N, C-alpha and C. Protein backbone atom coordinates (compact mmCIF):
# COMPACT_ATOMS: atom_id res chain seq x y z
N MET A 1 5.32 -21.24 2.26
CA MET A 1 5.22 -19.99 3.01
C MET A 1 6.24 -19.86 4.13
N ARG A 2 6.54 -20.88 4.79
CA ARG A 2 7.46 -20.92 5.90
C ARG A 2 8.88 -20.49 5.38
N ARG A 3 9.31 -21.00 4.13
CA ARG A 3 10.59 -20.69 3.64
C ARG A 3 10.62 -19.16 3.29
N LYS A 4 9.53 -18.58 2.70
CA LYS A 4 9.54 -17.20 2.48
C LYS A 4 9.57 -16.37 3.71
N ALA A 5 8.94 -16.84 4.76
CA ALA A 5 8.88 -16.11 6.00
C ALA A 5 10.38 -16.10 6.64
N LEU A 6 11.07 -17.20 6.64
CA LEU A 6 12.42 -17.32 7.02
C LEU A 6 13.33 -16.39 6.24
N SER A 7 13.12 -16.34 4.94
CA SER A 7 14.00 -15.45 4.11
C SER A 7 13.81 -14.06 4.37
N VAL A 8 12.53 -13.57 4.67
CA VAL A 8 12.30 -12.19 5.09
C VAL A 8 12.89 -11.93 6.43
N TYR A 9 12.83 -12.90 7.32
CA TYR A 9 13.39 -12.70 8.66
C TYR A 9 14.98 -12.54 8.53
N VAL A 10 15.63 -13.31 7.77
CA VAL A 10 17.05 -13.28 7.58
C VAL A 10 17.42 -11.95 6.90
N LEU A 11 16.58 -11.48 5.95
CA LEU A 11 16.85 -10.20 5.29
C LEU A 11 16.69 -9.07 6.35
N ALA A 12 15.74 -9.21 7.22
CA ALA A 12 15.58 -8.16 8.25
C ALA A 12 16.76 -8.09 9.19
N LEU A 13 17.27 -9.26 9.55
CA LEU A 13 18.41 -9.23 10.41
C LEU A 13 19.68 -8.77 9.73
N ALA A 14 19.88 -9.05 8.55
CA ALA A 14 21.05 -8.61 7.74
C ALA A 14 21.04 -7.09 7.54
N LEU A 15 19.92 -6.54 7.29
CA LEU A 15 19.92 -5.07 7.00
C LEU A 15 19.89 -4.25 8.25
N GLY A 16 19.56 -4.80 9.38
CA GLY A 16 19.54 -3.97 10.55
C GLY A 16 18.34 -2.99 10.63
N GLY A 17 18.27 -2.28 11.75
CA GLY A 17 17.16 -1.39 11.87
C GLY A 17 17.62 0.08 12.14
N CYS A 18 16.67 1.00 12.14
CA CYS A 18 16.93 2.33 12.43
C CYS A 18 15.69 2.99 13.04
N THR A 19 15.85 4.12 13.69
CA THR A 19 14.60 4.71 14.39
C THR A 19 13.90 5.57 13.36
N HIS A 20 14.62 6.22 12.41
CA HIS A 20 13.88 7.10 11.42
C HIS A 20 14.19 6.50 10.00
N ALA A 21 13.18 6.11 9.30
CA ALA A 21 13.44 5.45 8.06
C ALA A 21 12.71 6.09 6.92
N LYS A 22 13.36 5.98 5.74
CA LYS A 22 12.72 6.40 4.49
C LYS A 22 11.89 5.30 4.04
N LYS A 23 11.13 5.54 2.98
CA LYS A 23 10.17 4.47 2.44
C LYS A 23 10.83 3.14 2.13
N ASN A 24 12.10 3.20 1.68
CA ASN A 24 12.80 1.91 1.30
C ASN A 24 13.66 1.36 2.39
N GLU A 25 13.49 1.82 3.66
CA GLU A 25 14.30 1.38 4.80
C GLU A 25 13.49 0.59 5.75
N MET A 26 14.15 0.07 6.81
CA MET A 26 13.54 -0.75 7.82
C MET A 26 13.50 0.06 9.13
N ILE A 27 12.47 -0.29 9.90
CA ILE A 27 12.23 0.39 11.18
C ILE A 27 12.07 -0.73 12.22
N GLU A 28 12.84 -0.61 13.37
CA GLU A 28 12.67 -1.51 14.50
C GLU A 28 11.84 -0.81 15.58
N ALA A 29 10.83 -1.52 16.14
CA ALA A 29 9.98 -0.91 17.14
C ALA A 29 9.75 -1.94 18.20
N ALA A 30 9.60 -1.47 19.45
CA ALA A 30 9.26 -2.34 20.60
C ALA A 30 8.05 -1.82 21.24
N PHE A 31 7.17 -2.74 21.60
CA PHE A 31 5.85 -2.31 22.15
C PHE A 31 5.62 -3.05 23.49
N ASP A 32 5.08 -2.27 24.42
CA ASP A 32 4.51 -2.84 25.66
C ASP A 32 2.99 -2.95 25.44
N CYS A 33 2.37 -4.02 25.82
CA CYS A 33 0.93 -4.28 25.56
C CYS A 33 0.25 -4.62 26.85
N THR A 34 -1.10 -4.58 26.79
CA THR A 34 -2.00 -4.97 27.89
C THR A 34 -1.56 -6.34 28.43
N GLY A 35 -1.72 -6.54 29.71
CA GLY A 35 -1.46 -7.86 30.27
C GLY A 35 0.01 -8.10 30.42
N GLY A 36 0.96 -7.17 30.21
CA GLY A 36 2.32 -7.31 30.38
C GLY A 36 3.01 -7.96 29.18
N ALA A 37 2.29 -8.11 28.03
CA ALA A 37 2.89 -8.68 26.80
C ALA A 37 3.85 -7.65 26.19
N ARG A 38 4.78 -8.24 25.46
CA ARG A 38 5.73 -7.35 24.77
C ARG A 38 5.82 -7.86 23.33
N LEU A 39 5.98 -6.91 22.39
CA LEU A 39 6.23 -7.22 20.97
C LEU A 39 7.49 -6.54 20.50
N SER A 40 8.21 -7.16 19.58
CA SER A 40 9.32 -6.50 18.85
C SER A 40 8.94 -6.67 17.34
N VAL A 41 9.04 -5.53 16.68
CA VAL A 41 8.52 -5.55 15.28
C VAL A 41 9.60 -4.92 14.38
N THR A 42 9.91 -5.53 13.28
CA THR A 42 10.76 -5.05 12.18
C THR A 42 9.79 -4.74 11.03
N PHE A 43 9.65 -3.43 10.68
CA PHE A 43 8.85 -3.00 9.51
C PHE A 43 9.85 -2.86 8.35
N ASP A 44 9.66 -3.60 7.30
CA ASP A 44 10.41 -3.42 6.08
C ASP A 44 9.61 -2.69 5.11
N ASN A 45 9.77 -1.41 4.91
CA ASN A 45 9.01 -0.60 4.09
C ASN A 45 9.24 -0.82 2.64
N LYS A 46 10.39 -1.40 2.28
CA LYS A 46 10.67 -1.66 0.88
C LYS A 46 9.86 -2.86 0.35
N THR A 47 9.62 -3.89 1.15
CA THR A 47 8.94 -5.10 0.74
C THR A 47 7.50 -5.09 1.29
N GLY A 48 7.19 -4.25 2.17
CA GLY A 48 5.72 -4.16 2.68
C GLY A 48 5.49 -5.35 3.64
N VAL A 49 6.51 -5.67 4.44
CA VAL A 49 6.41 -6.81 5.45
C VAL A 49 6.73 -6.26 6.87
N ALA A 50 6.03 -6.86 7.76
CA ALA A 50 6.35 -6.62 9.22
C ALA A 50 6.60 -7.97 9.85
N VAL A 51 7.74 -8.08 10.57
CA VAL A 51 8.07 -9.27 11.20
C VAL A 51 7.82 -9.05 12.73
N VAL A 52 6.87 -9.73 13.29
CA VAL A 52 6.43 -9.54 14.70
C VAL A 52 6.99 -10.69 15.50
N ARG A 53 7.73 -10.37 16.54
CA ARG A 53 8.27 -11.35 17.46
C ARG A 53 7.66 -11.16 18.83
N THR A 54 7.13 -12.23 19.41
CA THR A 54 6.48 -12.11 20.72
C THR A 54 7.40 -12.51 21.81
N GLN A 55 7.05 -12.21 23.04
CA GLN A 55 8.05 -12.59 24.16
C GLN A 55 7.97 -14.05 24.43
N THR A 56 6.99 -14.72 23.88
CA THR A 56 6.94 -16.15 24.05
C THR A 56 7.73 -16.96 23.06
N GLY A 57 8.36 -16.13 22.11
CA GLY A 57 9.24 -16.80 21.11
C GLY A 57 8.53 -16.98 19.72
N GLY A 58 7.41 -16.50 19.61
CA GLY A 58 6.74 -16.60 18.32
C GLY A 58 7.31 -15.60 17.35
N MET A 59 7.32 -15.89 16.02
CA MET A 59 7.76 -15.02 14.99
C MET A 59 6.74 -15.14 13.89
N HIS A 60 6.18 -14.00 13.44
CA HIS A 60 5.03 -13.92 12.48
C HIS A 60 5.41 -12.93 11.44
N VAL A 61 5.30 -13.34 10.18
CA VAL A 61 5.53 -12.45 9.00
C VAL A 61 4.17 -11.95 8.50
N LEU A 62 3.88 -10.70 8.56
CA LEU A 62 2.69 -10.07 8.20
C LEU A 62 2.85 -9.24 6.92
N ILE A 63 1.85 -9.14 6.06
CA ILE A 63 1.96 -8.41 4.84
C ILE A 63 1.13 -7.11 4.99
N HIS A 64 1.69 -6.04 4.42
CA HIS A 64 1.04 -4.71 4.46
C HIS A 64 -0.33 -4.80 3.78
N THR A 65 -1.35 -4.16 4.40
CA THR A 65 -2.64 -4.09 3.76
C THR A 65 -3.14 -2.68 3.81
N ILE A 66 -4.12 -2.34 2.97
CA ILE A 66 -4.61 -1.00 2.90
C ILE A 66 -5.25 -0.55 4.21
N SER A 67 -4.98 0.69 4.69
CA SER A 67 -5.63 1.16 5.85
C SER A 67 -6.00 2.70 5.55
N GLY A 68 -6.98 3.17 6.27
CA GLY A 68 -7.43 4.52 6.06
C GLY A 68 -6.35 5.55 6.47
N SER A 69 -5.74 5.22 7.60
CA SER A 69 -4.62 6.04 8.12
C SER A 69 -3.75 5.14 9.03
N GLY A 70 -2.60 5.49 9.24
CA GLY A 70 -1.67 4.59 10.12
C GLY A 70 -1.21 3.48 9.23
N TYR A 71 -1.03 2.32 9.89
CA TYR A 71 -0.53 1.17 9.08
C TYR A 71 -1.37 -0.12 9.53
N SER A 72 -1.25 -1.11 8.60
CA SER A 72 -1.97 -2.37 8.81
C SER A 72 -1.25 -3.46 8.17
N TYR A 73 -1.05 -4.52 8.94
CA TYR A 73 -0.31 -5.73 8.36
C TYR A 73 -1.13 -6.95 8.87
N GLU A 74 -1.29 -7.94 7.95
CA GLU A 74 -2.04 -9.19 8.27
C GLU A 74 -1.50 -10.40 7.67
N ALA A 75 -1.71 -11.52 8.30
CA ALA A 75 -1.46 -12.77 7.71
C ALA A 75 -1.90 -13.94 8.70
N GLU A 76 -2.43 -14.96 8.13
CA GLU A 76 -2.83 -16.20 8.90
C GLU A 76 -3.52 -15.89 10.22
N GLY A 77 -4.54 -15.06 10.16
CA GLY A 77 -5.34 -14.78 11.37
C GLY A 77 -4.73 -13.78 12.33
N ARG A 78 -3.66 -13.18 12.03
CA ARG A 78 -2.95 -12.25 12.92
C ARG A 78 -2.98 -10.90 12.19
N LYS A 79 -3.14 -9.83 13.08
CA LYS A 79 -3.11 -8.45 12.55
C LYS A 79 -2.33 -7.46 13.49
N LEU A 80 -1.68 -6.58 12.84
CA LEU A 80 -1.01 -5.47 13.61
C LEU A 80 -1.46 -4.17 12.93
N ARG A 81 -2.21 -3.38 13.63
CA ARG A 81 -2.74 -2.13 13.12
C ARG A 81 -2.32 -1.06 14.12
N GLY A 82 -1.93 0.12 13.60
CA GLY A 82 -1.51 1.20 14.44
C GLY A 82 -1.45 2.51 13.84
N LYS A 83 -1.27 3.54 14.68
CA LYS A 83 -1.11 4.87 14.21
C LYS A 83 -0.24 5.64 15.26
N GLY A 84 0.70 6.27 14.86
CA GLY A 84 1.59 6.95 15.81
C GLY A 84 2.33 5.92 16.68
N ARG A 85 2.28 6.12 18.01
CA ARG A 85 3.02 5.11 18.94
C ARG A 85 2.07 4.06 19.48
N GLU A 86 0.83 4.04 18.99
CA GLU A 86 -0.16 3.10 19.51
C GLU A 86 -0.39 1.96 18.47
N ALA A 87 -0.70 0.77 18.89
CA ALA A 87 -0.95 -0.38 18.02
C ALA A 87 -1.97 -1.38 18.70
N ILE A 88 -2.60 -2.13 17.83
CA ILE A 88 -3.55 -3.12 18.27
C ILE A 88 -2.83 -4.44 17.64
N TRP A 89 -2.53 -5.54 18.48
CA TRP A 89 -2.05 -6.79 18.08
C TRP A 89 -3.17 -7.77 18.23
N THR A 90 -3.53 -8.43 17.17
CA THR A 90 -4.64 -9.45 17.23
C THR A 90 -4.07 -10.77 16.74
N ASP A 91 -4.10 -11.75 17.64
CA ASP A 91 -3.71 -13.14 17.32
C ASP A 91 -4.99 -14.00 17.41
N ALA A 92 -5.23 -14.78 16.34
CA ALA A 92 -6.44 -15.55 16.30
C ALA A 92 -6.73 -16.39 17.59
N SER A 93 -5.65 -16.71 18.31
CA SER A 93 -5.75 -17.53 19.48
C SER A 93 -6.02 -16.83 20.78
N ALA A 94 -6.16 -15.37 20.76
CA ALA A 94 -6.30 -14.69 22.00
C ALA A 94 -7.04 -13.36 21.72
N ALA A 95 -7.41 -12.67 22.75
CA ALA A 95 -8.07 -11.38 22.60
C ALA A 95 -7.12 -10.30 22.18
N PRO A 96 -7.56 -9.30 21.36
CA PRO A 96 -6.64 -8.28 21.00
C PRO A 96 -5.92 -7.50 22.09
N LEU A 97 -4.72 -7.14 21.84
CA LEU A 97 -3.96 -6.43 22.83
C LEU A 97 -3.68 -4.97 22.39
N THR A 98 -3.83 -4.03 23.24
CA THR A 98 -3.61 -2.68 22.99
C THR A 98 -2.13 -2.44 23.42
N CYS A 99 -1.35 -1.81 22.51
CA CYS A 99 0.02 -1.69 22.72
C CYS A 99 0.56 -0.27 22.60
N GLN A 100 1.66 0.02 23.28
CA GLN A 100 2.18 1.42 23.25
C GLN A 100 3.69 1.24 22.87
N GLU A 101 4.18 1.97 21.88
CA GLU A 101 5.57 1.83 21.59
C GLU A 101 6.49 2.33 22.67
N ARG A 102 7.55 1.57 23.00
CA ARG A 102 8.47 1.96 24.03
C ARG A 102 9.36 3.08 23.46
N GLY A 103 9.63 4.04 24.36
CA GLY A 103 10.55 5.17 23.85
C GLY A 103 11.94 4.69 23.64
N ASN A 104 12.78 5.47 22.86
CA ASN A 104 14.10 5.09 22.56
C ASN A 104 15.02 5.56 23.70
């Protein structure tokens, strides 16, 4: 799984990001969260993967899951769920964080 995660991350870096994406493109987003935490997320709409990078240096590859509305990604006890400019980041080792996307 670690090799697959690294491959997805390298793909994300190679393709770059954009602020407005079609279904087969990538989106880069930055979030400010409760407690001063920050997240940087690359959404790859083509593969259904979100790469979440934390300010502490963590990098987590999450897989798209079904949601009623908005978006939802999960893997290994971590979840990123959101709608519009708001998101909830859940890491199994800490309390969920409420996040707001930073403006461009």
